[in-house]
Structure formats: structure tokens, C-alpha cells
C-alpha atoms as a PDB file:
ATOM      1  CA  MET A   1     -48.245 -26.606 -33.164  1.00  0.00           C
ATOM      2  CA  LYS A   2     -47.557 -29.035 -36.002  1.00  0.00           C
ATOM      3  CA  LEU A   3     -46.473 -26.200 -38.267  1.00  0.00           C
ATOM      4  CA  THR A   4     -44.017 -24.927 -35.649  1.00  0.00           C
ATOM      5  CA  LEU A   5     -42.474 -28.397 -35.240  1.00  0.00           C
ATOM      6  CA  VAL A   6     -41.973 -28.865 -38.976  1.00  0.00           C
ATOM      7  CA  LEU A   7     -40.271 -25.495 -39.268  1.00  0.00           C
ATOM      8  CA  PHE A   8     -37.961 -26.319 -36.360  1.00  0.00           C
ATOM      9  CA  VAL A   9     -36.834 -29.627 -37.839  1.00  0.00           C
ATOM     10  CA  SER A  10     -36.299 -28.046 -41.245  1.00  0.00           C
ATOM     11  CA  SER A  11     -34.170 -25.289 -39.712  1.00  0.00           C
ATOM     12  CA  LEU A  12     -32.140 -27.819 -37.735  1.00  0.00           C
ATOM     13  CA  ALA A  13     -31.417 -29.907 -40.848  1.00  0.00           C
ATOM     14  CA  ALA A  14     -30.298 -26.853 -42.769  1.00  0.00           C
ATOM     15  CA  ALA A  15     -27.957 -25.819 -39.956  1.00  0.00           C
ATOM     16  CA  THR A  16     -26.513 -29.293 -39.281  1.00  0.00           C
ATOM     17  CA  PRO A  17     -22.866 -29.628 -40.348  1.00  0.00           C
ATOM     18  CA  LEU A  18     -22.264 -31.908 -43.306  1.00  0.00           C
ATOM     19  CA  GLY A  19     -19.876 -34.120 -41.308  1.00  0.00           C
ATOM     20  CA  TRP A  20     -22.609 -34.938 -38.776  1.00  0.00           C
ATOM     21  CA  ARG A  21     -25.020 -35.941 -41.526  1.00  0.00           C
ATOM     22  CA  GLU A  22     -22.345 -38.169 -43.114  1.00  0.00           C
ATOM     23  CA  ARG A  23     -21.714 -39.990 -39.828  1.00  0.00           C
ATOM     24  CA  ARG A  24     -25.437 -40.691 -39.638  1.00  0.00           C
ATOM     25  CA  GLN A  25     -25.266 -42.325 -43.086  1.00  0.00           C
ATOM     26  CA  GLN A  26     -23.286 -45.358 -41.933  1.00  0.00           C
ATOM     27  CA  VAL A  27     -23.517 -48.398 -44.211  1.00  0.00           C
ATOM     28  CA  SER A  28     -23.145 -51.996 -42.975  1.00  0.00           C
ATOM     29  CA  LEU A  29     -21.656 -54.633 -45.296  1.00  0.00           C
ATOM     30  CA  CYS A  30     -21.779 -58.228 -44.032  1.00  0.00           C
ATOM     31  CA  GLY A  31     -22.257 -60.377 -47.156  1.00  0.00           C
ATOM     32  CA  GLN A  32     -19.374 -62.128 -48.870  1.00  0.00           C
ATOM     33  CA  SER A  33     -19.182 -59.497 -51.618  1.00  0.00           C
ATOM     34  CA  SER A  34     -21.255 -56.693 -50.084  1.00  0.00           C
ATOM     35  CA  SER A  35     -20.090 -53.343 -51.421  1.00  0.00           C
ATOM     36  CA  TRP A  36     -20.800 -49.622 -51.449  1.00  0.00           C
ATOM     37  CA  SER A  37     -19.678 -46.900 -53.849  1.00  0.00           C
ATOM     38  CA  GLY A  38     -19.940 -43.126 -53.894  1.00  0.00           C
ATOM     39  CA  ASN A  39     -17.936 -39.916 -54.137  1.00  0.00           C
ATOM     40  CA  GLY A  40     -15.412 -41.649 -56.379  1.00  0.00           C
ATOM     41  CA  TYR A  41     -14.678 -44.394 -53.829  1.00  0.00           C
ATOM     42  CA  GLN A  42     -15.795 -47.925 -53.115  1.00  0.00           C
ATOM     43  CA  LEU A  43     -15.863 -50.163 -50.039  1.00  0.00           C
ATOM     44  CA  ASN A  44     -16.073 -53.966 -50.106  1.00  0.00           C
ATOM     45  CA  ASN A  45     -16.363 -56.613 -47.380  1.00  0.00           C
ATOM     46  CA  ASN A  46     -14.682 -59.094 -49.768  1.00  0.00           C
ATOM     47  CA  LEU A  47     -14.718 -62.411 -47.872  1.00  0.00           C
ATOM     48  CA  TRP A  48     -13.189 -64.171 -50.859  1.00  0.00           C
ATOM     49  CA  GLY A  49     -11.443 -66.911 -48.815  1.00  0.00           C
ATOM     50  CA  GLN A  50     -14.027 -67.505 -46.094  1.00  0.00           C
ATOM     51  CA  SER A  51     -14.494 -71.164 -47.130  1.00  0.00           C
ATOM     52  CA  ARG A  52     -10.968 -71.831 -45.844  1.00  0.00           C
ATOM     53  CA  ALA A  53     -12.048 -71.024 -42.270  1.00  0.00           C
ATOM     54  CA  THR A  54     -13.597 -73.529 -39.884  1.00  0.00           C
ATOM     55  CA  SER A  55     -15.554 -70.685 -38.294  1.00  0.00           C
ATOM     56  CA  GLY A  56     -15.747 -66.919 -38.305  1.00  0.00           C
ATOM     57  CA  SER A  57     -17.408 -63.869 -39.757  1.00  0.00           C
ATOM     58  CA  GLN A  58     -16.705 -60.299 -40.790  1.00  0.00           C
ATOM     59  CA  CYS A  59     -18.600 -57.058 -41.359  1.00  0.00           C
ATOM     60  CA  THR A  60     -17.335 -53.790 -42.801  1.00  0.00           C
ATOM     61  CA  TYR A  61     -18.851 -50.385 -42.073  1.00  0.00           C
ATOM     62  CA  LEU A  62     -18.750 -47.049 -43.863  1.00  0.00           C
ATOM     63  CA  ASP A  63     -18.493 -44.335 -41.208  1.00  0.00           C
ATOM     64  CA  SER A  64     -18.364 -41.252 -43.446  1.00  0.00           C
ATOM     65  CA  SER A  65     -17.501 -40.229 -46.985  1.00  0.00           C
ATOM     66  CA  SER A  66     -16.844 -37.202 -49.143  1.00  0.00           C
ATOM     67  CA  ASN A  67     -15.026 -36.372 -52.357  1.00  0.00           C
ATOM     68  CA  SER A  68     -11.817 -36.026 -50.336  1.00  0.00           C
ATOM     69  CA  GLY A  69     -11.886 -39.549 -48.888  1.00  0.00           C
ATOM     70  CA  ILE A  70     -13.661 -42.063 -46.692  1.00  0.00           C
ATOM     71  CA  HIS A  71     -13.627 -43.265 -43.077  1.00  0.00           C
ATOM     72  CA  TRP A  72     -14.469 -46.902 -42.371  1.00  0.00           C
ATOM     73  CA  HIS A  73     -13.851 -49.891 -40.129  1.00  0.00           C
ATOM     74  CA  THR A  74     -14.101 -53.672 -40.289  1.00  0.00           C
ATOM     75  CA  THR A  75     -14.545 -56.261 -37.521  1.00  0.00           C
ATOM     76  CA  TRP A  76     -13.644 -59.917 -37.934  1.00  0.00           C
ATOM     77  CA  THR A  77     -12.958 -63.272 -36.285  1.00  0.00           C
ATOM     78  CA  TRP A  78     -11.531 -66.216 -38.232  1.00  0.00           C
ATOM     79  CA  GLU A  79     -10.478 -69.667 -37.036  1.00  0.00           C
ATOM     80  CA  GLY A  80      -8.880 -72.544 -38.934  1.00  0.00           C
ATOM     81  CA  GLY A  81      -7.044 -72.562 -42.239  1.00  0.00           C
ATOM     82  CA  GLU A  82      -3.746 -71.397 -40.749  1.00  0.00           C
ATOM     83  CA  GLY A  83      -1.665 -69.385 -43.184  1.00  0.00           C
ATOM     84  CA  GLU A  84      -4.543 -68.847 -45.622  1.00  0.00           C
ATOM     85  CA  VAL A  85      -6.243 -65.530 -46.337  1.00  0.00           C
ATOM     86  CA  LYS A  86      -9.961 -65.400 -45.495  1.00  0.00           C
ATOM     87  CA  SER A  87     -10.755 -61.851 -46.559  1.00  0.00           C
ATOM     88  CA  TYR A  88      -9.477 -58.556 -47.879  1.00  0.00           C
ATOM     89  CA  ALA A  89     -11.896 -55.855 -46.764  1.00  0.00           C
ATOM     90  CA  TYR A  90     -10.851 -52.733 -48.642  1.00  0.00           C
ATOM     91  CA  SER A  91     -11.524 -49.171 -49.650  1.00  0.00           C
ATOM     92  CA  GLY A  92     -10.630 -48.269 -53.203  1.00  0.00           C
ATOM     93  CA  ARG A  93     -10.485 -45.389 -55.605  1.00  0.00           C
ATOM     94  CA  GLN A  94     -12.779 -45.861 -58.585  1.00  0.00           C
ATOM     95  CA  VAL A  95     -10.525 -46.110 -61.633  1.00  0.00           C
ATOM     96  CA  SER A  96     -11.225 -44.766 -65.125  1.00  0.00           C
ATOM     97  CA  THR A  97     -10.664 -47.277 -67.906  1.00  0.00           C
ATOM     98  CA  GLY A  98      -7.950 -46.815 -70.489  1.00  0.00           C
ATOM     99  CA  LEU A  99      -5.161 -45.551 -68.213  1.00  0.00           C
ATOM    100  CA  THR A 100      -1.791 -47.182 -68.751  1.00  0.00           C
ATOM    101  CA  ILE A 101       0.723 -46.831 -65.940  1.00  0.00           C
ATOM    102  CA  ALA A 102       2.917 -44.773 -68.296  1.00  0.00           C
ATOM    103  CA  SER A 103       0.064 -42.308 -68.931  1.00  0.00           C
ATOM    104  CA  ILE A 104      -0.398 -41.615 -65.201  1.00  0.00           C
ATOM    105  CA  ASP A 105       1.609 -38.756 -63.710  1.00  0.00           C
ATOM    106  CA  SER A 106       0.759 -39.442 -60.067  1.00  0.00           C
ATOM    107  CA  MET A 107      -1.190 -41.783 -57.780  1.00  0.00           C
ATOM    108  CA  GLN A 108      -1.177 -39.669 -54.637  1.00  0.00           C
ATOM    109  CA  THR A 109      -2.657 -41.286 -51.540  1.00  0.00           C
ATOM    110  CA  SER A 110      -2.814 -40.992 -47.779  1.00  0.00           C
ATOM    111  CA  VAL A 111      -4.152 -43.230 -45.029  1.00  0.00           C
ATOM    112  CA  SER A 112      -4.345 -43.334 -41.238  1.00  0.00           C
ATOM    113  CA  TRP A 113      -5.396 -46.562 -39.522  1.00  0.00           C
ATOM    114  CA  GLU A 114      -5.140 -48.689 -36.381  1.00  0.00           C
ATOM    115  CA  TYR A 115      -5.892 -52.242 -35.246  1.00  0.00           C
ATOM    116  CA  ASN A 116      -7.296 -52.742 -31.751  1.00  0.00           C
ATOM    117  CA  THR A 117      -5.167 -55.880 -31.244  1.00  0.00           C
ATOM    118  CA  THR A 118      -1.934 -57.431 -32.490  1.00  0.00           C
ATOM    119  CA  ASP A 119      -2.999 -60.965 -31.555  1.00  0.00           C
ATOM    120  CA  ILE A 120      -3.900 -61.739 -35.163  1.00  0.00           C
ATOM    121  CA  GLN A 121      -2.453 -62.996 -38.399  1.00  0.00           C
ATOM    122  CA  ALA A 122      -3.082 -60.158 -40.838  1.00  0.00           C
ATOM    123  CA  ASN A 123      -1.547 -57.360 -42.843  1.00  0.00           C
ATOM    124  CA  VAL A 124      -2.544 -53.835 -43.807  1.00  0.00           C
ATOM    125  CA  ALA A 125      -1.665 -53.170 -47.425  1.00  0.00           C
ATOM    126  CA  TYR A 126      -2.325 -51.332 -50.639  1.00  0.00           C
ATOM    127  CA  ASP A 127      -3.250 -53.627 -53.524  1.00  0.00           C
ATOM    128  CA  ILE A 128      -2.991 -52.615 -57.191  1.00  0.00           C
ATOM    129  CA  PHE A 129      -3.798 -54.782 -60.227  1.00  0.00           C
ATOM    130  CA  THR A 130      -2.713 -54.053 -63.795  1.00  0.00           C
ATOM    131  CA  ALA A 131      -3.266 -55.903 -67.067  1.00  0.00           C
ATOM    132  CA  GLU A 132      -2.466 -55.606 -70.758  1.00  0.00           C
ATOM    133  CA  ASP A 133      -6.204 -55.898 -71.458  1.00  0.00           C
ATOM    134  CA  PRO A 134      -7.978 -52.760 -70.144  1.00  0.00           C
ATOM    135  CA  ASP A 135     -11.197 -54.801 -69.871  1.00  0.00           C
ATOM    136  CA  HIS A 136      -9.619 -57.521 -67.723  1.00  0.00           C
ATOM    137  CA  GLU A 137     -11.846 -58.557 -64.804  1.00  0.00           C
ATOM    138  CA  HIS A 138     -10.839 -56.799 -61.610  1.00  0.00           C
ATOM    139  CA  SER A 139     -10.211 -59.686 -59.201  1.00  0.00           C
ATOM    140  CA  SER A 140      -6.794 -60.347 -60.753  1.00  0.00           C
ATOM    141  CA  GLY A 141      -4.448 -59.037 -63.444  1.00  0.00           C
ATOM    142  CA  ASP A 142      -1.179 -59.666 -65.205  1.00  0.00           C
ATOM    143  CA  TYR A 143       0.590 -57.953 -62.297  1.00  0.00           C
ATOM    144  CA  GLU A 144      -0.223 -57.322 -58.666  1.00  0.00           C
ATOM    145  CA  VAL A 145       1.708 -54.649 -56.771  1.00  0.00           C
ATOM    146  CA  MET A 146       1.240 -54.532 -52.993  1.00  0.00           C
ATOM    147  CA  ILE A 147       2.549 -52.063 -50.410  1.00  0.00           C
ATOM    148  CA  TRP A 148       2.505 -53.646 -46.951  1.00  0.00           C
ATOM    149  CA  LEU A 149       2.262 -51.041 -44.190  1.00  0.00           C
ATOM    150  CA  ALA A 150       2.074 -53.699 -41.463  1.00  0.00           C
ATOM    151  CA  ARG A 151       2.127 -57.427 -40.903  1.00  0.00           C
ATOM    152  CA  TYR A 152       1.266 -59.346 -37.762  1.00  0.00           C
ATOM    153  CA  ASN A 153       2.597 -62.700 -36.532  1.00  0.00           C
ATOM    154  CA  ASN A 154       4.802 -63.883 -39.354  1.00  0.00           C
ATOM    155  CA  VAL A 155       2.508 -63.501 -42.343  1.00  0.00           C
ATOM    156  CA  SER A 156       4.541 -62.987 -45.509  1.00  0.00           C
ATOM    157  CA  PRO A 157       3.917 -61.933 -49.104  1.00  0.00           C
ATOM    158  CA  ILE A 158       3.900 -64.286 -52.060  1.00  0.00           C
ATOM    159  CA  GLY A 159       7.374 -65.225 -53.273  1.00  0.00           C
ATOM    160  CA  SER A 160      10.698 -64.395 -51.688  1.00  0.00           C
ATOM    161  CA  SER A 161      12.703 -61.320 -50.747  1.00  0.00           C
ATOM    162  CA  VAL A 162      14.715 -60.111 -53.737  1.00  0.00           C
ATOM    163  CA  ALA A 163      15.902 -56.606 -52.853  1.00  0.00           C
ATOM    164  CA  THR A 164      15.926 -53.748 -50.390  1.00  0.00           C
ATOM    165  CA  ALA A 165      14.217 -50.817 -52.085  1.00  0.00           C
ATOM    166  CA  THR A 166      14.200 -47.146 -51.179  1.00  0.00           C
ATOM    167  CA  VAL A 167      10.995 -45.527 -52.427  1.00  0.00           C
ATOM    168  CA  GLY A 168       9.497 -42.230 -51.310  1.00  0.00           C
ATOM    169  CA  GLY A 169      12.203 -41.787 -48.699  1.00  0.00           C
ATOM    170  CA  ASP A 170      11.344 -45.074 -46.934  1.00  0.00           C
ATOM    171  CA  THR A 171      13.063 -48.461 -47.011  1.00  0.00           C
ATOM    172  CA  TRP A 172      11.098 -51.518 -48.107  1.00  0.00           C
ATOM    173  CA  ASP A 173      11.790 -55.231 -48.378  1.00  0.00           C
ATOM    174  CA  LEU A 174      10.793 -56.173 -51.935  1.00  0.00           C
ATOM    175  CA  PHE A 175       9.261 -59.611 -52.470  1.00  0.00           C
ATOM    176  CA  ALA A 176       8.628 -61.165 -55.889  1.00  0.00           C
ATOM    177  CA  GLY A 177       6.713 -64.285 -56.838  1.00  0.00           C
ATOM    178  CA  ALA A 178       3.822 -65.702 -58.827  1.00  0.00           C
ATOM    179  CA  ASN A 179       0.158 -66.257 -58.025  1.00  0.00           C
ATOM    180  CA  GLY A 180      -0.896 -68.506 -60.878  1.00  0.00           C
ATOM    181  CA  ASP A 181      -0.258 -66.526 -64.063  1.00  0.00           C
ATOM    182  CA  MET A 182      -0.044 -63.219 -62.182  1.00  0.00           C
ATOM    183  CA  GLU A 183       3.336 -61.760 -61.241  1.00  0.00           C
ATOM    184  CA  VAL A 184       3.320 -60.273 -57.748  1.00  0.00           C
ATOM    185  CA  TYR A 185       5.609 -57.582 -56.299  1.00  0.00           C
ATOM    186  CA  SER A 186       5.222 -56.667 -52.628  1.00  0.00           C
ATOM    187  CA  PHE A 187       6.962 -53.766 -50.896  1.00  0.00           C
ATOM    188  CA  VAL A 188       7.041 -54.500 -47.149  1.00  0.00           C
ATOM    189  CA  ALA A 189       7.701 -51.730 -44.618  1.00  0.00           C
ATOM    190  CA  GLU A 190      10.533 -52.283 -42.138  1.00  0.00           C
ATOM    191  CA  ASN A 191       8.257 -51.228 -39.265  1.00  0.00           C
ATOM    192  CA  THR A 192       4.518 -50.754 -38.869  1.00  0.00           C
ATOM    193  CA  MET A 193       3.328 -47.569 -40.570  1.00  0.00           C
ATOM    194  CA  ASN A 194       0.018 -46.472 -39.022  1.00  0.00           C
ATOM    195  CA  SER A 195      -0.032 -43.535 -41.391  1.00  0.00           C
ATOM    196  CA  PHE A 196       1.267 -43.216 -44.919  1.00  0.00           C
ATOM    197  CA  SER A 197       1.245 -40.422 -47.451  1.00  0.00           C
ATOM    198  CA  GLY A 198       2.944 -40.691 -50.794  1.00  0.00           C
ATOM    199  CA  ASP A 199       2.790 -41.253 -54.530  1.00  0.00           C
ATOM    200  CA  VAL A 200       2.230 -44.881 -55.495  1.00  0.00           C
ATOM    201  CA  LYS A 201       3.520 -44.058 -58.976  1.00  0.00           C
ATOM    202  CA  ASP A 202       6.993 -43.948 -57.363  1.00  0.00           C
ATOM    203  CA  PHE A 203       6.736 -47.697 -56.712  1.00  0.00           C
ATOM    204  CA  PHE A 204       5.968 -48.358 -60.371  1.00  0.00           C
ATOM    205  CA  ASP A 205       8.873 -46.119 -61.369  1.00  0.00           C
ATOM    206  CA  TYR A 206      11.125 -48.272 -59.180  1.00  0.00           C
ATOM    207  CA  LEU A 207       9.825 -51.470 -60.779  1.00  0.00           C
ATOM    208  CA  GLU A 208      10.238 -50.038 -64.273  1.00  0.00           C
ATOM    209  CA  GLN A 209      13.839 -49.037 -63.590  1.00  0.00           C
ATOM    210  CA  ASN A 210      14.897 -52.160 -61.682  1.00  0.00           C
ATOM    211  CA  VAL A 211      12.886 -55.122 -62.986  1.00  0.00           C
ATOM    212  CA  GLY A 212      11.641 -53.846 -66.346  1.00  0.00           C
ATOM    213  CA  PHE A 213       7.973 -53.457 -65.419  1.00  0.00           C
ATOM    214  CA  PRO A 214       6.152 -52.787 -68.751  1.00  0.00           C
ATOM    215  CA  VAL A 215       4.489 -49.460 -67.885  1.00  0.00           C
ATOM    216  CA  ASP A 216       3.533 -48.731 -71.524  1.00  0.00           C
ATOM    217  CA  ASP A 217       1.516 -51.939 -71.884  1.00  0.00           C
ATOM    218  CA  GLN A 218      -0.149 -52.285 -68.478  1.00  0.00           C
ATOM    219  CA  TYR A 219      -3.525 -50.708 -67.690  1.00  0.00           C
ATOM    220  CA  LEU A 220      -4.507 -49.806 -64.144  1.00  0.00           C
ATOM    221  CA  LEU A 221      -7.439 -51.922 -62.934  1.00  0.00           C
ATOM    222  CA  VAL A 222      -7.778 -51.325 -59.173  1.00  0.00           C
ATOM    223  CA  PHE A 223      -6.190 -49.064 -56.540  1.00  0.00           C
ATOM    224  CA  GLU A 224      -7.154 -50.295 -53.057  1.00  0.00           C
ATOM    225  CA  LEU A 225      -6.203 -50.207 -49.368  1.00  0.00           C
ATOM    226  CA  GLY A 226      -7.292 -52.877 -46.919  1.00  0.00           C
ATOM    227  CA  SER A 227      -6.322 -55.795 -44.708  1.00  0.00           C
ATOM    228  CA  GLU A 228      -5.773 -59.436 -45.562  1.00  0.00           C
ATOM    229  CA  ALA A 229      -7.131 -61.355 -42.566  1.00  0.00           C
ATOM    230  CA  PHE A 230      -5.770 -64.859 -41.903  1.00  0.00           C
ATOM    231  CA  THR A 231      -6.734 -65.956 -38.374  1.00  0.00           C
ATOM    232  CA  GLY A 232      -7.484 -64.466 -34.954  1.00  0.00           C
ATOM    233  CA  GLY A 233      -9.856 -61.955 -33.486  1.00  0.00           C
ATOM    234  CA  PRO A 234     -12.192 -60.544 -32.576  1.00  0.00           C
ATOM    235  CA  ALA A 235     -10.283 -57.710 -34.234  1.00  0.00           C
ATOM    236  CA  THR A 236     -11.242 -54.299 -35.560  1.00  0.00           C
ATOM    237  CA  LEU A 237      -9.346 -52.322 -38.150  1.00  0.00           C
ATOM    238  CA  SER A 238     -10.299 -48.645 -38.095  1.00  0.00           C
ATOM    239  CA  VAL A 239      -9.340 -46.488 -41.075  1.00  0.00           C
ATOM    240  CA  SER A 240      -9.810 -42.920 -39.899  1.00  0.00           C
ATOM    241  CA  GLN A 241      -8.924 -41.506 -43.316  1.00  0.00           C
ATOM    242  CA  PHE A 242      -8.235 -42.914 -46.769  1.00  0.00           C
ATOM    243  CA  SER A 243      -7.850 -40.870 -49.917  1.00  0.00           C
ATOM    244  CA  ALA A 244      -6.418 -41.550 -53.351  1.00  0.00           C
ATOM    245  CA  ASN A 245      -6.200 -39.500 -56.540  1.00  0.00           C
ATOM    246  CA  ILE A 246      -5.025 -40.418 -60.018  1.00  0.00           C
ATOM    247  CA  ALA A 247      -3.692 -37.710 -62.315  1.00  0.00           C
END
């Protein structure tokens, strides 16, 4: 009887679709810097500004992963510290060192996501850091380039609006400003984009042509997609698919 049971379980495991096994491998990340990496991707809870809140918490969960992308969600509630970011839970493509922006032909990406509420202060945005030093630590850079797919309840990027940019067939409000020594450019969508597919290199091409972004001297540090959470909740961001490739 025992032998029969073992054979049955073994046969079931061999016949189980890969997707089902991946969904069973959910990872929970609840610490301030709790992270996971695999299949060329990473996921981070990243509660970097939690001390600004009077109360709240956040956990981020890996739902499935493969070489073609990851599926994840994050749940949070933050109170206090109006107008200040508490967290940026994100998924990111692991980046090889030594790649200048000029040496990259494409940064193709796609994402589909949804929030379960709009009664929050938050955004959903790509975040890319570059630096002249390829070994620069990855929490900042010489430049930060953001692509805001959504913003809720009057949150705004660093700096001020400087141009209306057409990139990848879409129209964006371009903000420019400084975060300490780091120059920040933020492309903000006119309307909420719950799905996006495009080449992020196009945004760097725009910056090179219009503001003189130094593509020859800047190394890519991080290539991420997530949500800056300010206040509100309970809220859940569900990312049903995120992929990114650098070529």
C-alpha cells in the first residue's frame, strides 16, 4: 500500500503543469528590505520611508515566476506623514554591470497591473537609476528616470513640469528636478495606464536629444517597476505580469 501511494504522488508531480507548481511557491516579504531574486528578476518590499508614518505596514508577495517574467502583489496601509513616500515595493530586472545607456540597443518591457482602490496617495511607476561609476550603490545614482503610469490624489514627481513629450506613441508630461545631487526626470502619463508595453530606451533617446542626457557616460544600475505609497489603505496592488529585457 505504501509503495502504491508513493508511485501515485510521484506520477502526479511529474504530470503537474509548471504554472501550478510556481503558484504554490509563493514568497512572502514583510521586512523593511525583504527581497527575493530568481529567473533574472528580483522583488523587494522596500519600506525605505516607513519611519515617516505614524502607523502602518506592508507586505509583498511573489505569486509566480519564470524566465519570461513575474507575477506579484503588495498590500499596504500607511497613516501620517502626508506627502511623504513610505515605500516603493518593486519588481526589477537584474542588470549586468558595465552597460552604458549608449551601449544598450533596447530595454523592452511590459506590465499589467491594478489597484483595488483609488482612495490612496500613490503612484505606479518605472524607476531607473544611472551613474558615471558602474559600481555606484543601487539606491541612488547620478540620474533617476521615472515613467509614471498612474498617480492617485494629487501626488506629483520631484521638480516641475518642463515639457510635453511624445515617446512611444504616447504623450507624457515631463517633470525635471533634483533629489540631492541626483537629477530626476519623470515622464507622467496623461491618463492611468493599467497596461504598458514599450521600449524604455526610447525615453533615454528623448532625453539625449532634448536635454543632452549623457548616454555615453552613464551606466545602468537598476530597471524597476513598482508603486510609491504615501498614505491610505488598506490597498493592494496586483501586478499580473511584469517582464523586462535588456539587449
